[in-house]
PDB file of N, CA and C in Angstrom:
ATOM      1  N   ASP A   1     -12.200  -3.213  66.538  1.00  0.00           N
ATOM      2  CA  ASP A   1     -13.427  -3.067  66.344  1.00  0.00           C
ATOM      3  C   ASP A   1     -13.853  -1.588  66.109  1.00  0.00           C
ATOM      4  N   GLY A   2     -14.724  -1.413  65.116  1.00  0.00           N
ATOM      5  CA  GLY A   2     -14.981  -0.084  64.501  1.00  0.00           C
ATOM      6  C   GLY A   2     -14.147   0.560  63.416  1.00  0.00           C
ATOM      7  N   ASP A   3     -13.201  -0.042  63.087  1.00  0.00           N
ATOM      8  CA  ASP A   3     -12.315   0.390  62.072  1.00  0.00           C
ATOM      9  C   ASP A   3     -13.005  -0.007  60.568  1.00  0.00           C
ATOM     10  N   THR A   4     -12.785   1.003  59.779  1.00  0.00           N
ATOM     11  CA  THR A   4     -13.200   0.864  58.270  1.00  0.00           C
ATOM     12  C   THR A   4     -11.745   0.377  57.566  1.00  0.00           C
ATOM     13  N   VAL A   5     -11.707  -0.481  56.701  1.00  0.00           N
ATOM     14  CA  VAL A   5     -10.531  -0.719  55.989  1.00  0.00           C
ATOM     15  C   VAL A   5     -10.955  -0.649  54.386  1.00  0.00           C
ATOM     16  N   VAL A   6      -9.991  -0.015  53.704  1.00  0.00           N
ATOM     17  CA  VAL A   6     -10.289  -0.354  52.499  1.00  0.00           C
ATOM     18  C   VAL A   6      -9.186  -1.037  51.576  1.00  0.00           C
ATOM     19  N   ILE A   7      -9.608  -2.064  51.148  1.00  0.00           N
ATOM     20  CA  ILE A   7      -8.719  -3.213  50.501  1.00  0.00           C
ATOM     21  C   ILE A   7      -8.695  -3.095  48.817  1.00  0.00           C
ATOM     22  N   GLU A   8      -7.463  -3.117  48.389  1.00  0.00           N
ATOM     23  CA  GLU A   8      -7.118  -3.226  46.975  1.00  0.00           C
ATOM     24  C   GLU A   8      -6.719  -4.371  46.477  1.00  0.00           C
ATOM     25  N   PRO A   9      -7.395  -4.939  45.872  1.00  0.00           N
ATOM     26  CA  PRO A   9      -7.240  -6.300  45.079  1.00  0.00           C
ATOM     27  C   PRO A   9      -5.709  -6.250  44.527  1.00  0.00           C
ATOM     28  N   THR A  10      -5.054  -7.593  44.990  1.00  0.00           N
ATOM     29  CA  THR A  10      -3.600  -7.388  44.264  1.00  0.00           C
ATOM     30  C   THR A  10      -3.431  -8.938  43.738  1.00  0.00           C
ATOM     31  N   PRO A  11      -2.707  -8.950  42.566  1.00  0.00           N
ATOM     32  CA  PRO A  11      -2.353 -10.391  42.092  1.00  0.00           C
ATOM     33  C   PRO A  11      -1.106 -10.863  42.571  1.00  0.00           C
ATOM     34  N   SER A  12      -0.269  -9.987  43.097  1.00  0.00           N
ATOM     35  CA  SER A  12       0.888 -10.302  43.915  1.00  0.00           C
ATOM     36  C   SER A  12       1.266  -9.790  44.996  1.00  0.00           C
ATOM     37  N   PRO A  13       0.986  -9.759  46.142  1.00  0.00           N
ATOM     38  CA  PRO A  13       0.989  -9.300  47.141  1.00  0.00           C
ATOM     39  C   PRO A  13       2.816  -9.351  47.684  1.00  0.00           C
ATOM     40  N   ARG A  14       3.633  -8.618  48.291  1.00  0.00           N
ATOM     41  CA  ARG A  14       4.623  -8.462  48.793  1.00  0.00           C
ATOM     42  C   ARG A  14       4.567  -8.783  50.265  1.00  0.00           C
ATOM     43  N   ALA A  15       5.751  -9.562  50.522  1.00  0.00           N
ATOM     44  CA  ALA A  15       6.099  -9.725  52.433  1.00  0.00           C
ATOM     45  C   ALA A  15       5.994  -8.262  52.959  1.00  0.00           C
ATOM     46  N   GLY A  16       5.673  -8.391  54.074  1.00  0.00           N
ATOM     47  CA  GLY A  16       5.179  -7.150  54.656  1.00  0.00           C
ATOM     48  C   GLY A  16       3.999  -6.128  54.592  1.00  0.00           C
ATOM     49  N   GLN A  17       3.315  -6.813  53.694  1.00  0.00           N
ATOM     50  CA  GLN A  17       1.980  -5.934  53.696  1.00  0.00           C
ATOM     51  C   GLN A  17       1.160  -6.506  54.433  1.00  0.00           C
ATOM     52  N   ILE A  18       0.054  -5.337  55.161  1.00  0.00           N
ATOM     53  CA  ILE A  18      -1.014  -5.998  55.655  1.00  0.00           C
ATOM     54  C   ILE A  18      -2.275  -6.246  54.565  1.00  0.00           C
ATOM     55  N   VAL A  19      -2.803  -7.627  54.751  1.00  0.00           N
ATOM     56  CA  VAL A  19      -3.454  -8.233  53.821  1.00  0.00           C
ATOM     57  C   VAL A  19      -4.982  -8.605  54.465  1.00  0.00           C
ATOM     58  N   ALA A  20      -5.934  -8.308  53.477  1.00  0.00           N
ATOM     59  CA  ALA A  20      -7.037  -9.386  53.798  1.00  0.00           C
ATOM     60  C   ALA A  20      -6.624 -10.622  53.261  1.00  0.00           C
ATOM     61  N   ALA A  21      -7.081 -11.622  54.138  1.00  0.00           N
ATOM     62  CA  ALA A  21      -6.480 -12.783  53.600  1.00  0.00           C
ATOM     63  C   ALA A  21      -7.828 -14.212  53.917  1.00  0.00           C
ATOM     64  N   LEU A  22      -7.745 -15.063  53.106  1.00  0.00           N
ATOM     65  CA  LEU A  22      -8.844 -16.422  53.433  1.00  0.00           C
ATOM     66  C   LEU A  22      -7.858 -17.655  53.625  1.00  0.00           C
ATOM     67  N   ILE A  23      -7.637 -17.974  54.981  1.00  0.00           N
ATOM     68  CA  ILE A  23      -6.958 -18.956  55.365  1.00  0.00           C
ATOM     69  C   ILE A  23      -7.933 -20.386  56.023  1.00  0.00           C
ATOM     70  N   ASP A  24      -7.341 -21.094  55.224  1.00  0.00           N
ATOM     71  CA  ASP A  24      -8.262 -22.311  55.808  1.00  0.00           C
ATOM     72  C   ASP A  24      -9.717 -22.180  56.234  1.00  0.00           C
ATOM     73  N   GLY A  25     -10.286 -21.351  54.853  1.00  0.00           N
ATOM     74  CA  GLY A  25     -11.720 -20.770  55.315  1.00  0.00           C
ATOM     75  C   GLY A  25     -12.147 -20.047  56.029  1.00  0.00           C
ATOM     76  N   GLU A  26     -11.389 -19.206  56.992  1.00  0.00           N
ATOM     77  CA  GLU A  26     -11.553 -18.071  57.594  1.00  0.00           C
ATOM     78  C   GLU A  26     -10.950 -16.713  57.168  1.00  0.00           C
ATOM     79  N   ASN A  27     -12.010 -15.631  57.388  1.00  0.00           N
ATOM     80  CA  ASN A  27     -11.510 -14.479  56.676  1.00  0.00           C
ATOM     81  C   ASN A  27     -10.529 -13.583  57.879  1.00  0.00           C
ATOM     82  N   THR A  28      -9.358 -12.896  57.632  1.00  0.00           N
ATOM     83  CA  THR A  28      -8.365 -12.318  58.444  1.00  0.00           C
ATOM     84  C   THR A  28      -7.917 -11.307  57.947  1.00  0.00           C
ATOM     85  N   LEU A  29      -7.582 -10.029  58.818  1.00  0.00           N
ATOM     86  CA  LEU A  29      -6.418  -8.768  58.369  1.00  0.00           C
ATOM     87  C   LEU A  29      -5.315  -9.192  59.397  1.00  0.00           C
ATOM     88  N   LYS A  30      -3.814  -9.146  58.440  1.00  0.00           N
ATOM     89  CA  LYS A  30      -2.871  -9.746  59.165  1.00  0.00           C
ATOM     90  C   LYS A  30      -1.507  -9.525  58.182  1.00  0.00           C
ATOM     91  N   ARG A  31      -0.489  -9.448  58.523  1.00  0.00           N
ATOM     92  CA  ARG A  31       0.604  -8.899  58.402  1.00  0.00           C
ATOM     93  C   ARG A  31       1.254 -10.379  57.452  1.00  0.00           C
ATOM     94  N   LEU A  32       1.545 -10.123  55.849  1.00  0.00           N
ATOM     95  CA  LEU A  32       2.067 -11.424  55.051  1.00  0.00           C
ATOM     96  C   LEU A  32       3.464 -11.317  55.465  1.00  0.00           C
ATOM     97  N   VAL A  33       3.923 -12.714  55.701  1.00  0.00           N
ATOM     98  CA  VAL A  33       5.198 -12.922  56.304  1.00  0.00           C
ATOM     99  C   VAL A  33       5.918 -13.993  55.050  1.00  0.00           C
ATOM    100  N   PHE A  34       7.051 -13.755  54.826  1.00  0.00           N
ATOM    101  CA  PHE A  34       7.562 -15.021  54.033  1.00  0.00           C
ATOM    102  C   PHE A  34       8.779 -15.602  54.621  1.00  0.00           C
ATOM    103  N   VAL A  35       8.932 -16.653  55.317  1.00  0.00           N
ATOM    104  CA  VAL A  35      10.389 -17.042  55.651  1.00  0.00           C
ATOM    105  C   VAL A  35      10.281 -18.744  55.503  1.00  0.00           C
ATOM    106  N   HIS A  36      11.892 -19.172  55.040  1.00  0.00           N
ATOM    107  CA  HIS A  36      12.354 -20.092  55.064  1.00  0.00           C
ATOM    108  C   HIS A  36      11.268 -20.939  53.787  1.00  0.00           C
ATOM    109  N   GLY A  37      11.011 -19.950  53.017  1.00  0.00           N
ATOM    110  CA  GLY A  37      10.387 -20.178  51.447  1.00  0.00           C
ATOM    111  C   GLY A  37       9.115 -20.768  51.850  1.00  0.00           C
ATOM    112  N   LYS A  38       8.316 -20.461  53.212  1.00  0.00           N
ATOM    113  CA  LYS A  38       6.803 -20.147  52.998  1.00  0.00           C
ATOM    114  C   LYS A  38       6.016 -19.020  53.768  1.00  0.00           C
ATOM    115  N   TRP A  39       4.589 -19.050  53.139  1.00  0.00           N
ATOM    116  CA  TRP A  39       4.066 -17.607  53.713  1.00  0.00           C
ATOM    117  C   TRP A  39       3.285 -18.118  54.970  1.00  0.00           C
ATOM    118  N   PHE A  40       3.110 -16.887  55.766  1.00  0.00           N
ATOM    119  CA  PHE A  40       2.222 -17.136  56.868  1.00  0.00           C
ATOM    120  C   PHE A  40       1.524 -15.581  57.409  1.00  0.00           C
ATOM    121  N   LEU A  41       0.999 -15.862  58.088  1.00  0.00           N
ATOM    122  CA  LEU A  41       0.275 -14.540  58.653  1.00  0.00           C
ATOM    123  C   LEU A  41       0.749 -13.826  60.047  1.00  0.00           C
ATOM    124  N   LYS A  42       1.049 -12.985  60.133  1.00  0.00           N
ATOM    125  CA  LYS A  42       1.370 -12.330  61.887  1.00  0.00           C
ATOM    126  C   LYS A  42       0.327 -11.177  62.222  1.00  0.00           C
ATOM    127  N   ALA A  43      -0.126 -11.324  63.308  1.00  0.00           N
ATOM    128  CA  ALA A  43      -0.945 -10.172  64.038  1.00  0.00           C
ATOM    129  C   ALA A  43      -0.175  -9.193  64.449  1.00  0.00           C
ATOM    130  N   GLU A  44      -0.523  -7.787  64.634  1.00  0.00           N
ATOM    131  CA  GLU A  44      -0.013  -6.535  64.562  1.00  0.00           C
ATOM    132  C   GLU A  44      -0.156  -6.820  66.511  1.00  0.00           C
ATOM    133  N   ASN A  45      -1.058  -7.369  66.766  1.00  0.00           N
ATOM    134  CA  ASN A  45      -0.947  -7.786  68.299  1.00  0.00           C
ATOM    135  C   ASN A  45      -0.587  -8.897  68.962  1.00  0.00           C
ATOM    136  N   ALA A  46       0.601  -8.612  69.774  1.00  0.00           N
ATOM    137  CA  ALA A  46       1.544  -9.945  69.755  1.00  0.00           C
ATOM    138  C   ALA A  46       0.584 -10.904  70.689  1.00  0.00           C
ATOM    139  N   SER A  47      -0.664 -10.385  71.322  1.00  0.00           N
ATOM    140  CA  SER A  47      -1.517 -11.335  72.056  1.00  0.00           C
ATOM    141  C   SER A  47      -2.138 -12.347  71.133  1.00  0.00           C
ATOM    142  N   TYR A  48      -2.049 -12.105  69.760  1.00  0.00           N
ATOM    143  CA  TYR A  48      -2.389 -13.404  69.124  1.00  0.00           C
ATOM    144  C   TYR A  48      -1.580 -13.996  68.271  1.00  0.00           C
ATOM    145  N   PRO A  49      -1.770 -15.339  68.110  1.00  0.00           N
ATOM    146  CA  PRO A  49      -0.944 -16.166  67.445  1.00  0.00           C
ATOM    147  C   PRO A  49      -0.441 -15.888  66.080  1.00  0.00           C
ATOM    148  N   GLU A  50       0.762 -16.131  65.525  1.00  0.00           N
ATOM    149  CA  GLU A  50       0.962 -16.432  64.016  1.00  0.00           C
ATOM    150  C   GLU A  50      -0.254 -17.247  63.424  1.00  0.00           C
ATOM    151  N   LEU A  51      -0.339 -17.365  62.468  1.00  0.00           N
ATOM    152  CA  LEU A  51      -1.306 -18.167  61.489  1.00  0.00           C
ATOM    153  C   LEU A  51      -0.583 -18.551  60.424  1.00  0.00           C
ATOM    154  N   HIS A  52      -0.409 -20.186  60.474  1.00  0.00           N
ATOM    155  CA  HIS A  52       0.312 -20.816  59.307  1.00  0.00           C
ATOM    156  C   HIS A  52      -0.851 -21.910  58.938  1.00  0.00           C
ATOM    157  N   PRO A  53      -0.660 -21.490  57.189  1.00  0.00           N
ATOM    158  CA  PRO A  53      -2.002 -22.437  56.747  1.00  0.00           C
ATOM    159  C   PRO A  53      -1.829 -23.799  56.590  1.00  0.00           C
ATOM    160  N   ARG A  54      -2.852 -24.514  57.257  1.00  0.00           N
ATOM    161  CA  ARG A  54      -2.994 -26.048  57.039  1.00  0.00           C
ATOM    162  C   ARG A  54      -3.269 -26.663  55.531  1.00  0.00           C
ATOM    163  N   ALA A  55      -4.173 -25.733  55.059  1.00  0.00           N
ATOM    164  CA  ALA A  55      -4.422 -26.335  53.762  1.00  0.00           C
ATOM    165  C   ALA A  55      -4.196 -24.974  52.615  1.00  0.00           C
ATOM    166  N   ASP A  56      -4.938 -24.022  52.778  1.00  0.00           N
ATOM    167  CA  ASP A  56      -5.017 -23.165  51.937  1.00  0.00           C
ATOM    168  C   ASP A  56      -4.917 -21.503  52.514  1.00  0.00           C
ATOM    169  N   LEU A  57      -4.081 -20.793  51.410  1.00  0.00           N
ATOM    170  CA  LEU A  57      -4.019 -19.645  51.623  1.00  0.00           C
ATOM    171  C   LEU A  57      -4.118 -18.613  50.729  1.00  0.00           C
ATOM    172  N   THR A  58      -5.483 -17.679  50.618  1.00  0.00           N
ATOM    173  CA  THR A  58      -5.674 -17.177  49.461  1.00  0.00           C
ATOM    174  C   THR A  58      -5.495 -15.464  49.767  1.00  0.00           C
ATOM    175  N   ILE A  59      -4.707 -14.595  49.319  1.00  0.00           N
ATOM    176  CA  ILE A  59      -4.732 -13.370  49.393  1.00  0.00           C
ATOM    177  C   ILE A  59      -5.879 -12.581  48.572  1.00  0.00           C
ATOM    178  N   GLN A  60      -6.452 -11.755  49.414  1.00  0.00           N
ATOM    179  CA  GLN A  60      -7.779 -10.947  48.608  1.00  0.00           C
ATOM    180  C   GLN A  60      -7.225  -9.597  48.319  1.00  0.00           C
ATOM    181  N   GLY A  61      -6.562  -9.168  49.208  1.00  0.00           N
ATOM    182  CA  GLY A  61      -5.962  -8.061  49.006  1.00  0.00           C
ATOM    183  C   GLY A  61      -5.050  -7.550  49.943  1.00  0.00           C
ATOM    184  N   ALA A  62      -4.273  -5.980  49.408  1.00  0.00           N
ATOM    185  CA  ALA A  62      -3.777  -5.342  50.427  1.00  0.00           C
ATOM    186  C   ALA A  62      -4.481  -3.982  50.957  1.00  0.00           C
ATOM    187  N   VAL A  63      -4.387  -4.004  52.375  1.00  0.00           N
ATOM    188  CA  VAL A  63      -4.999  -2.979  52.851  1.00  0.00           C
ATOM    189  C   VAL A  63      -4.215  -1.491  52.428  1.00  0.00           C
ATOM    190  N   ARG A  64      -5.105  -0.508  51.903  1.00  0.00           N
ATOM    191  CA  ARG A  64      -4.779   0.670  51.631  1.00  0.00           C
ATOM    192  C   ARG A  64      -4.833   1.794  52.612  1.00  0.00           C
ATOM    193  N   LEU A  65      -6.216   1.742  53.353  1.00  0.00           N
ATOM    194  CA  LEU A  65      -6.255   3.100  54.070  1.00  0.00           C
ATOM    195  C   LEU A  65      -6.893   2.118  55.307  1.00  0.00           C
ATOM    196  N   VAL A  66      -6.963   2.737  56.449  1.00  0.00           N
ATOM    197  CA  VAL A  66      -7.518   2.591  57.674  1.00  0.00           C
ATOM    198  C   VAL A  66      -8.308   3.746  58.198  1.00  0.00           C
ATOM    199  N   VAL A  67      -9.570   3.954  58.546  1.00  0.00           N
ATOM    200  CA  VAL A  67     -10.427   5.215  59.019  1.00  0.00           C
ATOM    201  C   VAL A  67     -10.917   4.341  60.433  1.00  0.00           C
ATOM    202  N   ARG A  68     -10.197   5.343  61.499  1.00  0.00           N
ATOM    203  CA  ARG A  68     -10.458   4.882  62.484  1.00  0.00           C
ATOM    204  C   ARG A  68     -11.297   6.052  63.159  1.00  0.00           C
ATOM    205  N   SER A  69     -12.383   5.304  64.100  1.00  0.00           N
ATOM    206  CA  SER A  69     -13.389   6.592  64.484  1.00  0.00           C
ATOM    207  C   SER A  69     -12.877   6.733  65.822  1.00  0.00           C
ATOM    208  N   VAL A  70     -12.793   8.017  66.428  1.00  0.00           N
ATOM    209  CA  VAL A  70     -12.678   8.335  67.776  1.00  0.00           C
ATOM    210  C   VAL A  70     -13.593   9.010  68.390  1.00  0.00           C
ATOM    211  N   ASN A  71     -14.241   8.651  69.465  1.00  0.00           N
ATOM    212  CA  ASN A  71     -15.255   8.983  70.162  1.00  0.00           C
ATOM    213  C   ASN A  71     -14.971   9.336  71.760  1.00  0.00           C
TER     214      ASN A  71
END
């Protein structure tokens, strides 16, 4: 919470990038993973599950900059 993220639209994201994605109608920021011919999203925080699309996965862009506020 509180971070500002700069996203660059990209037509061809690469595995391993952190991306803004629309997965089954929900927006999220996660790492893009490609295993056994399938794309899915993985959280950096191990407390959160991997997200495998039931129907749709649309990559909206790749994270280019994170601005974190420290108070």
